[in-house]
C-alpha atoms as a PDB file:
ATOM      1  CA  MET A   1      33.768 -13.329   6.135  1.00  0.00           C
ATOM      2  CA  LYS A   2      33.177 -12.084   9.665  1.00  0.00           C
ATOM      3  CA  TYR A   3      30.323  -9.804  10.597  1.00  0.00           C
ATOM      4  CA  THR A   4      30.188  -7.394  13.472  1.00  0.00           C
ATOM      5  CA  LEU A   5      27.475  -7.471  16.087  1.00  0.00           C
ATOM      6  CA  ILE A   6      24.384  -5.605  14.922  1.00  0.00           C
ATOM      7  CA  THR A   7      21.634  -4.354  17.182  1.00  0.00           C
ATOM      8  CA  PHE A   8      17.994  -4.391  16.216  1.00  0.00           C
ATOM      9  CA  ALA A   9      17.810  -0.591  16.245  1.00  0.00           C
ATOM     10  CA  ALA A  10      20.745  -0.329  13.866  1.00  0.00           C
ATOM     11  CA  LEU A  11      19.307  -2.932  11.530  1.00  0.00           C
ATOM     12  CA  SER A  12      15.940  -1.320  11.228  1.00  0.00           C
ATOM     13  CA  GLY A  13      16.948   2.322  11.447  1.00  0.00           C
ATOM     14  CA  ILE A  14      14.116   2.725  13.887  1.00  0.00           C
ATOM     15  CA  ALA A  15      14.002   4.660  17.129  1.00  0.00           C
ATOM     16  CA  PHE A  16      10.842   4.568  19.206  1.00  0.00           C
ATOM     17  CA  GLY A  17       9.066   7.911  19.396  1.00  0.00           C
ATOM     18  CA  GLN A  18       7.998  10.612  17.032  1.00  0.00           C
ATOM     19  CA  ASN A  19      10.333   9.405  14.254  1.00  0.00           C
ATOM     20  CA  PHE A  20       7.542   6.926  13.579  1.00  0.00           C
ATOM     21  CA  ASN A  21       4.950   9.635  13.000  1.00  0.00           C
ATOM     22  CA  LEU A  22       3.217   8.938   9.687  1.00  0.00           C
ATOM     23  CA  VAL A  23       1.704  12.440   9.589  1.00  0.00           C
ATOM     24  CA  THR A  24       3.574  15.124   7.657  1.00  0.00           C
ATOM     25  CA  ASN A  25       3.819  18.515   9.397  1.00  0.00           C
ATOM     26  CA  GLY A  26       1.612  17.346  12.230  1.00  0.00           C
ATOM     27  CA  ASP A  27       2.851  20.181  14.454  1.00  0.00           C
ATOM     28  CA  PHE A  28       2.125  22.791  11.738  1.00  0.00           C
ATOM     29  CA  GLU A  29       5.535  24.371  12.215  1.00  0.00           C
ATOM     30  CA  ALA A  30       6.601  24.141   8.562  1.00  0.00           C
ATOM     31  CA  ASN A  31       4.966  27.409   7.508  1.00  0.00           C
ATOM     32  CA  LYS A  32       2.361  30.033   8.325  1.00  0.00           C
ATOM     33  CA  GLY A  33      -0.910  29.980   6.402  1.00  0.00           C
ATOM     34  CA  ALA A  34      -2.121  26.930   4.492  1.00  0.00           C
ATOM     35  CA  PRO A  35      -0.104  24.139   6.160  1.00  0.00           C
ATOM     36  CA  SER A  36       2.274  22.231   3.905  1.00  0.00           C
ATOM     37  CA  GLY A  37       1.537  18.533   3.657  1.00  0.00           C
ATOM     38  CA  TRP A  38      -2.189  19.140   4.148  1.00  0.00           C
ATOM     39  CA  THR A  39      -5.048  19.766   1.740  1.00  0.00           C
ATOM     40  CA  VAL A  40      -7.350  22.475   3.087  1.00  0.00           C
ATOM     41  CA  GLY A  41     -10.679  23.866   1.968  1.00  0.00           C
ATOM     42  CA  GLY A  42     -13.967  25.323   3.122  1.00  0.00           C
ATOM     43  CA  ALA A  43     -17.064  27.115   1.909  1.00  0.00           C
ATOM     44  CA  THR A  44     -15.768  30.510   3.018  1.00  0.00           C
ATOM     45  CA  GLN A  45     -12.378  30.125   4.735  1.00  0.00           C
ATOM     46  CA  SER A  46      -9.852  27.291   4.789  1.00  0.00           C
ATOM     47  CA  PRO A  47      -8.003  26.313   7.953  1.00  0.00           C
ATOM     48  CA  VAL A  48      -4.800  28.242   8.602  1.00  0.00           C
ATOM     49  CA  ALA A  49      -1.677  27.540  10.665  1.00  0.00           C
ATOM     50  CA  TYR A  50      -1.220  30.542  12.969  1.00  0.00           C
ATOM     51  CA  PRO A  51       1.640  31.480  15.296  1.00  0.00           C
ATOM     52  CA  ASN A  52       0.847  31.165  18.986  1.00  0.00           C
ATOM     53  CA  SER A  53      -1.518  33.903  20.195  1.00  0.00           C
ATOM     54  CA  THR A  54      -4.297  34.464  22.696  1.00  0.00           C
ATOM     55  CA  VAL A  55      -6.821  33.654  19.942  1.00  0.00           C
ATOM     56  CA  VAL A  56      -5.047  30.629  18.477  1.00  0.00           C
ATOM     57  CA  PRO A  57      -2.852  29.206  21.238  1.00  0.00           C
ATOM     58  CA  ALA A  58      -0.300  26.584  20.305  1.00  0.00           C
ATOM     59  CA  ALA A  59       0.085  23.551  22.531  1.00  0.00           C
ATOM     60  CA  GLY A  60       2.995  24.244  24.843  1.00  0.00           C
ATOM     61  CA  GLY A  61       2.654  28.007  24.381  1.00  0.00           C
ATOM     62  CA  ALA A  62       5.010  28.374  21.408  1.00  0.00           C
ATOM     63  CA  GLY A  63       5.038  27.666  17.679  1.00  0.00           C
ATOM     64  CA  ARG A  64       1.991  27.267  15.461  1.00  0.00           C
ATOM     65  CA  ALA A  65      -1.367  25.504  15.632  1.00  0.00           C
ATOM     66  CA  LEU A  66      -4.095  24.878  13.070  1.00  0.00           C
ATOM     67  CA  ASP A  67      -7.246  27.000  13.294  1.00  0.00           C
ATOM     68  CA  LEU A  68     -10.122  25.133  11.644  1.00  0.00           C
ATOM     69  CA  GLY A  69     -12.197  28.283  11.187  1.00  0.00           C
ATOM     70  CA  PRO A  70      -9.973  31.370  11.100  1.00  0.00           C
ATOM     71  CA  SER A  71     -11.053  35.005  10.972  1.00  0.00           C
ATOM     72  CA  GLY A  72     -14.218  34.479  12.976  1.00  0.00           C
ATOM     73  CA  VAL A  73     -15.829  32.516  10.161  1.00  0.00           C
ATOM     74  CA  TYR A  74     -18.661  30.168  11.108  1.00  0.00           C
ATOM     75  CA  GLY A  75     -22.045  29.037   9.839  1.00  0.00           C
ATOM     76  CA  ASP A  76     -21.532  27.246   6.521  1.00  0.00           C
ATOM     77  CA  ASN A  77     -17.740  27.423   6.672  1.00  0.00           C
ATOM     78  CA  GLY A  78     -17.139  23.696   6.939  1.00  0.00           C
ATOM     79  CA  GLY A  79     -13.399  24.267   6.894  1.00  0.00           C
ATOM     80  CA  TYR A  80     -11.378  21.074   6.634  1.00  0.00           C
ATOM     81  CA  ALA A  81      -7.762  19.934   6.611  1.00  0.00           C
ATOM     82  CA  GLU A  82      -6.903  16.475   5.348  1.00  0.00           C
ATOM     83  CA  GLN A  83      -3.885  14.349   4.548  1.00  0.00           C
ATOM     84  CA  THR A  84      -3.392  10.939   2.947  1.00  0.00           C
ATOM     85  CA  ILE A  85      -1.615   8.542   5.287  1.00  0.00           C
ATOM     86  CA  THR A  86       0.162   5.502   3.861  1.00  0.00           C
ATOM     87  CA  PHE A  87       0.166   2.368   5.998  1.00  0.00           C
ATOM     88  CA  ALA A  88       2.913   0.117   4.673  1.00  0.00           C
ATOM     89  CA  ASP A  89       2.220  -2.600   7.222  1.00  0.00           C
ATOM     90  CA  PRO A  90      -0.876  -3.997   8.935  1.00  0.00           C
ATOM     91  CA  GLY A  91      -1.023  -3.655  12.683  1.00  0.00           C
ATOM     92  CA  THR A  92      -2.199  -1.485  15.550  1.00  0.00           C
ATOM     93  CA  TYR A  93      -1.738   2.278  15.308  1.00  0.00           C
ATOM     94  CA  THR A  94      -2.570   5.249  17.543  1.00  0.00           C
ATOM     95  CA  LEU A  95      -3.910   8.608  16.409  1.00  0.00           C
ATOM     96  CA  SER A  96      -3.124  11.466  18.767  1.00  0.00           C
ATOM     97  CA  PHE A  97      -3.597  15.228  18.682  1.00  0.00           C
ATOM     98  CA  ASP A  98      -4.113  18.195  21.000  1.00  0.00           C
ATOM     99  CA  TYR A  99      -7.173  20.433  20.711  1.00  0.00           C
ATOM    100  CA  ILE A 100      -8.666  23.564  22.238  1.00  0.00           C
ATOM    101  CA  GLY A 101     -11.166  26.262  21.291  1.00  0.00           C
ATOM    102  CA  GLU A 102     -10.159  29.696  20.020  1.00  0.00           C
ATOM    103  CA  VAL A 103      -9.526  31.991  23.013  1.00  0.00           C
ATOM    104  CA  GLY A 104      -9.976  28.892  25.195  1.00  0.00           C
ATOM    105  CA  LYS A 105     -13.641  28.515  24.332  1.00  0.00           C
ATOM    106  CA  ALA A 106     -15.170  25.201  25.406  1.00  0.00           C
ATOM    107  CA  GLY A 107     -17.941  23.344  23.573  1.00  0.00           C
ATOM    108  CA  LEU A 108     -16.914  24.079  19.962  1.00  0.00           C
ATOM    109  CA  PRO A 109     -17.587  21.045  17.734  1.00  0.00           C
ATOM    110  CA  PHE A 110     -15.388  19.479  15.093  1.00  0.00           C
ATOM    111  CA  ASP A 111     -15.060  16.058  13.488  1.00  0.00           C
ATOM    112  CA  VAL A 112     -12.053  13.812  12.975  1.00  0.00           C
ATOM    113  CA  THR A 113     -12.298  10.982  10.457  1.00  0.00           C
ATOM    114  CA  LEU A 114     -10.174   8.286   8.855  1.00  0.00           C
ATOM    115  CA  THR A 115     -11.406   6.689   5.640  1.00  0.00           C
ATOM    116  CA  GLY A 116      -9.747   4.000   3.564  1.00  0.00           C
ATOM    117  CA  ALA A 117      -7.297   1.478   4.998  1.00  0.00           C
ATOM    118  CA  ALA A 118      -8.371   2.662   8.468  1.00  0.00           C
ATOM    119  CA  THR A 119     -11.791   3.806   9.643  1.00  0.00           C
ATOM    120  CA  LEU A 120     -12.654   6.372  12.309  1.00  0.00           C
ATOM    121  CA  ASN A 121     -15.496   8.856  12.683  1.00  0.00           C
ATOM    122  CA  GLU A 122     -15.784  10.947  15.825  1.00  0.00           C
ATOM    123  CA  SER A 123     -17.320  14.267  16.815  1.00  0.00           C
ATOM    124  CA  ILE A 124     -15.491  16.213  19.507  1.00  0.00           C
ATOM    125  CA  LEU A 125     -16.180  19.305  21.611  1.00  0.00           C
ATOM    126  CA  THR A 126     -13.320  21.570  22.584  1.00  0.00           C
ATOM    127  CA  ASP A 127     -12.260  22.229  26.168  1.00  0.00           C
ATOM    128  CA  SER A 128     -11.112  25.526  27.669  1.00  0.00           C
ATOM    129  CA  THR A 129      -7.557  24.171  27.963  1.00  0.00           C
ATOM    130  CA  TYR A 130      -5.606  21.906  25.669  1.00  0.00           C
ATOM    131  CA  THR A 131      -6.790  18.297  25.760  1.00  0.00           C
ATOM    132  CA  THR A 132      -5.012  15.348  24.171  1.00  0.00           C
ATOM    133  CA  TYR A 133      -7.089  12.970  22.086  1.00  0.00           C
ATOM    134  CA  THR A 134      -5.822   9.419  21.570  1.00  0.00           C
ATOM    135  CA  LYS A 135      -7.450   6.583  19.697  1.00  0.00           C
ATOM    136  CA  THR A 136      -6.051   3.162  18.849  1.00  0.00           C
ATOM    137  CA  PHE A 137      -7.180   1.488  15.645  1.00  0.00           C
ATOM    138  CA  GLU A 138      -6.342  -1.502  13.469  1.00  0.00           C
ATOM    139  CA  VAL A 139      -5.026  -1.641   9.928  1.00  0.00           C
ATOM    140  CA  THR A 140      -5.634  -5.091   8.462  1.00  0.00           C
ATOM    141  CA  ALA A 141      -3.819  -4.642   5.152  1.00  0.00           C
ATOM    142  CA  PRO A 142      -1.369  -2.147   3.644  1.00  0.00           C
ATOM    143  CA  GLY A 143      -3.016   0.848   2.025  1.00  0.00           C
ATOM    144  CA  ASP A 144      -3.862   4.539   2.237  1.00  0.00           C
ATOM    145  CA  ALA A 145      -6.319   6.344   4.498  1.00  0.00           C
ATOM    146  CA  THR A 146      -7.427   9.963   4.540  1.00  0.00           C
ATOM    147  CA  LEU A 147      -7.134  11.718   7.892  1.00  0.00           C
ATOM    148  CA  ARG A 148      -9.495  14.706   8.004  1.00  0.00           C
ATOM    149  CA  PHE A 149     -10.392  17.414  10.520  1.00  0.00           C
ATOM    150  CA  THR A 150     -13.640  19.268   9.794  1.00  0.00           C
ATOM    151  CA  ASP A 151     -15.015  22.387  11.440  1.00  0.00           C
ATOM    152  CA  THR A 152     -18.699  21.860  12.337  1.00  0.00           C
ATOM    153  CA  VAL A 153     -19.408  25.066  14.278  1.00  0.00           C
ATOM    154  CA  THR A 154     -22.697  26.677  13.167  1.00  0.00           C
ATOM    155  CA  SER A 155     -22.762  29.877  15.224  1.00  0.00           C
ATOM    156  CA  GLY A 156     -20.758  32.103  17.521  1.00  0.00           C
ATOM    157  CA  GLY A 157     -17.725  33.027  15.439  1.00  0.00           C
ATOM    158  CA  LEU A 158     -15.223  30.825  17.310  1.00  0.00           C
ATOM    159  CA  ASN A 159     -13.731  27.548  16.140  1.00  0.00           C
ATOM    160  CA  ALA A 160     -11.584  24.601  17.155  1.00  0.00           C
ATOM    161  CA  VAL A 161      -7.789  24.594  17.092  1.00  0.00           C
ATOM    162  CA  VAL A 162      -5.688  21.426  16.707  1.00  0.00           C
ATOM    163  CA  ASP A 163      -1.977  20.789  17.164  1.00  0.00           C
ATOM    164  CA  ASN A 164       0.607  17.983  17.374  1.00  0.00           C
ATOM    165  CA  VAL A 165      -1.168  15.476  15.141  1.00  0.00           C
ATOM    166  CA  SER A 166       0.464  12.065  14.976  1.00  0.00           C
ATOM    167  CA  ILE A 167      -0.224   8.523  13.855  1.00  0.00           C
ATOM    168  CA  VAL A 168       2.282   6.010  15.176  1.00  0.00           C
ATOM    169  CA  PRO A 169       2.415   2.209  15.226  1.00  0.00           C
ATOM    170  CA  GLU A 170       2.098   0.462  18.538  1.00  0.00           C
ATOM    171  CA  PRO A 171       5.268  -1.362  19.691  1.00  0.00           C
ATOM    172  CA  SER A 172       4.178  -4.696  18.211  1.00  0.00           C
ATOM    173  CA  SER A 173       3.655  -3.050  14.825  1.00  0.00           C
ATOM    174  CA  THR A 174       6.914  -1.164  15.202  1.00  0.00           C
ATOM    175  CA  ALA A 175       8.745  -4.461  15.506  1.00  0.00           C
ATOM    176  CA  LEU A 176       7.114  -5.697  12.319  1.00  0.00           C
ATOM    177  CA  LEU A 177       8.225  -2.570  10.465  1.00  0.00           C
ATOM    178  CA  GLY A 178      11.794  -3.121  11.598  1.00  0.00           C
ATOM    179  CA  LEU A 179      11.868  -6.768  10.582  1.00  0.00           C
ATOM    180  CA  GLY A 180      11.477  -5.766   6.954  1.00  0.00           C
ATOM    181  CA  GLY A 181      15.114  -4.723   6.913  1.00  0.00           C
ATOM    182  CA  LEU A 182      16.333  -8.154   8.024  1.00  0.00           C
ATOM    183  CA  ALA A 183      15.641  -9.709   4.642  1.00  0.00           C
ATOM    184  CA  SER A 184      18.633  -7.910   3.170  1.00  0.00           C
ATOM    185  CA  LEU A 185      21.189  -9.395   5.579  1.00  0.00           C
ATOM    186  CA  PRO A 186      23.873 -11.590   3.968  1.00  0.00           C
ATOM    187  CA  LYS A 187      23.825 -15.342   4.337  1.00  0.00           C
ATOM    188  CA  GLY A 188      25.554 -16.734   7.383  1.00  0.00           C
ATOM    189  CA  PHE A 189      23.698 -14.697   9.991  1.00  0.00           C
ATOM    190  CA  HIS A 190      21.941 -16.600  12.746  1.00  0.00           C
ATOM    191  CA  PHE A 191      19.429 -14.780  14.894  1.00  0.00           C
ATOM    192  CA  VAL A 192      19.539 -15.175  18.625  1.00  0.00           C
ATOM    193  CA  SER A 193      17.082 -13.585  21.019  1.00  0.00           C
ATOM    194  CA  SER A 194      19.053 -11.749  23.689  1.00  0.00           C
ATOM    195  CA  LEU A 195      16.983  -9.514  25.918  1.00  0.00           C
ATOM    196  CA  CYS A 196      19.434  -9.373  28.783  1.00  0.00           C
ATOM    197  CA  GLY A 197      22.963 -10.360  29.686  1.00  0.00           C
ATOM    198  CA  SER A 198      26.037 -10.335  27.488  1.00  0.00           C
ATOM    199  CA  PRO A 199      25.680 -11.454  23.869  1.00  0.00           C
ATOM    200  CA  SER A 200      27.812 -14.241  22.446  1.00  0.00           C
ATOM    201  CA  ARG A 201      31.009 -13.297  20.672  1.00  0.00           C
ATOM    202  CA  SER A 202      30.306 -15.775  17.873  1.00  0.00           C
ATOM    203  CA  SER A 203      30.838 -14.224  14.485  1.00  0.00           C
ATOM    204  CA  GLY A 204      28.066 -14.209  11.939  1.00  0.00           C
ATOM    205  CA  ARG A 205      25.331 -13.595  14.525  1.00  0.00           C
ATOM    206  CA  ALA A 206      22.871 -10.776  14.978  1.00  0.00           C
ATOM    207  CA  PHE A 207      21.251 -10.364  18.375  1.00  0.00           C
ATOM    208  CA  LEU A 208      17.683  -9.078  18.651  1.00  0.00           C
END
């Protein structure tokens, strides 16, 4: 039986970019209010996904963003939004998100943590304009981790806003994810590395 030429992208079903995002509803566009895909809570007021406004601006000026302390709630609010992230493969991953203070207020504190298969614990202060946070971390074995944003403002009535949350594998990890699909190829395929030039016309070969 002859087999047609198959590219790596077709084999793996993978396209570099946001299709790799392990976070569900990381842009908070799915719905207004309690964001789907996230567990939210707080002593007095849970985080809410709001449409773009002067109080809760969305990154890029359109859509929704997550307000960690809506309705001017502060003090013992401790509002949080968390989501369980499943890491099917070990490797290097990058957490990224945009953040700002309500009404562009700088200096508002919040925490971002990862617990479980990945570990991260950082305290951040908002800027007056949207800032992008990025952090690379390692996952040594498959498993779950809880990504959590926590409001830590204690006074003033303004809180942090986050948007465009993503966790994506670095290119080396991306390649590992794609290789999982190669195990299902029928016998008779021979793998040839072809990064440039014209591939061979030999049947029964897949070029990576």
